[in-house]
């Protein structure tokens, strides 16, 4: 397993048997990690909870497709590092372009 932390989410690479349901795996990972983090760091995390919830009920799962495992591992492990100025500028520019796009109109039958 590989993992990388950001301020409000976690990136993980996990290998599981195809018989394991993704939703079930994530429920167990979130439940156990919430229990352990609350037990060890309650005074710190209690002000960050949304109601009584530690994790969001949502999740995103992706397959890594044709990328090599080393590429995926490096990406995940790099998530703890703040973005460099070049990537920050590129991200801001992309968000600005996206905000300027016209809204899609529904197709007429």
Protein backbone atom coordinates (compact mmCIF):
# COMPACT_ATOMS: atom_id res chain seq x y z
CA UNK A 1 0.00 0.00 0.00
CA UNK A 2 1.19 3.53 -0.78
CA UNK A 3 -0.42 6.69 0.52
CA UNK A 4 -0.01 10.45 0.43
CA UNK A 5 -1.73 13.10 2.51
CA UNK A 6 -3.12 16.49 1.56
CA UNK A 7 -4.88 18.96 3.85
CA UNK A 8 -8.28 17.38 3.41
CA UNK A 9 -7.89 14.09 1.57
CA UNK A 10 -5.75 11.01 1.16
CA UNK A 11 -4.38 9.32 -1.95
CA UNK A 12 -3.88 5.58 -1.65
CA UNK A 13 -2.77 2.79 -3.94
CA UNK A 14 -4.17 -0.51 -2.78
CA UNK A 15 -4.06 -3.95 -4.38
CA UNK A 16 -7.01 -6.18 -3.53
CA UNK A 17 -8.47 -9.39 -4.84
CA UNK A 18 -11.23 -8.85 -7.43
CA UNK A 19 -13.71 -10.48 -5.03
CA UNK A 20 -13.39 -7.53 -2.61
CA UNK A 21 -16.06 -4.86 -3.07
CA UNK A 22 -14.52 -1.38 -3.29
CA UNK A 23 -17.28 0.19 -1.18
CA UNK A 24 -16.76 -2.42 1.54
CA UNK A 25 -12.98 -1.90 1.53
CA UNK A 26 -13.35 1.88 1.82
CA UNK A 27 -15.92 1.56 4.59
CA UNK A 28 -13.44 -0.52 6.59
CA UNK A 29 -10.48 1.78 5.86
CA UNK A 30 -12.43 4.89 6.80
CA UNK A 31 -13.99 3.32 9.89
CA UNK A 32 -10.77 1.92 11.35
CA UNK A 33 -8.68 5.00 10.53
CA UNK A 34 -11.32 7.31 12.02
CA UNK A 35 -11.36 5.25 15.20
CA UNK A 36 -7.56 5.25 15.49
CA UNK A 37 -7.12 8.94 14.68
CA UNK A 38 -9.84 10.00 17.13
CA UNK A 39 -8.34 7.80 19.84
CA UNK A 40 -4.82 9.21 19.39
CA UNK A 41 -5.47 12.83 18.39
CA UNK A 42 -8.95 13.70 19.71
CA UNK A 43 -8.04 17.12 21.12
CA UNK A 44 -6.60 18.12 17.75
CA UNK A 45 -9.26 16.70 15.39
CA UNK A 46 -12.43 17.46 17.37
CA UNK A 47 -12.51 21.02 16.03
CA UNK A 48 -12.19 19.80 12.42
CA UNK A 49 -15.12 17.43 12.31
CA UNK A 50 -18.21 18.13 10.23
CA UNK A 51 -20.82 17.33 12.84
CA UNK A 52 -19.63 14.02 14.23
CA UNK A 53 -18.10 12.81 10.95
CA UNK A 54 -14.39 12.43 10.40
CA UNK A 55 -14.49 11.32 6.75
CA UNK A 56 -16.80 12.40 3.96
CA UNK A 57 -19.13 9.62 2.80
CA UNK A 58 -17.84 10.13 -0.75
CA UNK A 59 -14.78 8.66 -2.41
CA UNK A 60 -13.09 8.48 -5.79
CA UNK A 61 -11.59 5.28 -7.15
CA UNK A 62 -9.45 5.10 -10.26
CA UNK A 63 -7.55 2.41 -12.02
CA UNK A 64 -4.05 3.32 -13.09
CA UNK A 65 -4.48 2.11 -16.66
CA UNK A 66 -1.26 1.96 -18.65
CA UNK A 67 0.89 3.96 -16.23
CA UNK A 68 3.70 2.07 -14.57
CA UNK A 69 3.40 1.34 -10.86
CA UNK A 70 6.47 3.50 -10.24
CA UNK A 71 4.76 6.51 -11.83
CA UNK A 72 1.66 5.99 -9.68
CA UNK A 73 3.76 5.52 -6.52
CA UNK A 74 5.73 8.71 -7.19
CA UNK A 75 2.52 10.67 -7.77
CA UNK A 76 0.97 9.45 -4.52
CA UNK A 77 4.13 10.00 -2.48
CA UNK A 78 4.46 13.54 -3.89
CA UNK A 79 1.07 14.55 -2.50
CA UNK A 80 2.53 15.69 0.82
CA UNK A 81 4.69 18.30 -0.90
CA UNK A 82 3.23 21.72 -1.62
CA UNK A 83 2.86 22.51 -5.32
CA UNK A 84 5.72 24.32 -6.97
CA UNK A 85 5.11 27.76 -8.45
CA UNK A 86 4.94 26.51 -12.04
CA UNK A 87 2.22 23.95 -11.32
CA UNK A 88 0.33 26.47 -9.18
CA UNK A 89 0.33 29.01 -12.05
CA UNK A 90 -0.80 26.32 -14.51
CA UNK A 91 -3.63 25.25 -12.19
CA UNK A 92 -4.81 28.84 -11.68
CA UNK A 93 -4.73 29.47 -15.43
CA UNK A 94 -6.73 26.28 -16.12
CA UNK A 95 -9.33 27.27 -13.53
CA UNK A 96 -9.60 30.73 -15.07
CA UNK A 97 -10.11 29.25 -18.57
CA UNK A 98 -12.69 26.83 -17.21
CA UNK A 99 -14.61 29.67 -15.53
CA UNK A 100 -14.75 31.54 -18.86
CA UNK A 101 -16.27 28.64 -20.81
CA UNK A 102 -19.91 29.17 -21.85
CA UNK A 103 -22.44 26.92 -20.16
CA UNK A 104 -23.50 23.96 -22.24
CA UNK A 105 -26.98 24.23 -23.67
CA UNK A 106 -29.24 21.20 -23.77
CA UNK A 107 -29.62 19.60 -27.20
CA UNK A 108 -33.02 19.99 -28.80
CA UNK A 109 -34.78 16.93 -30.11
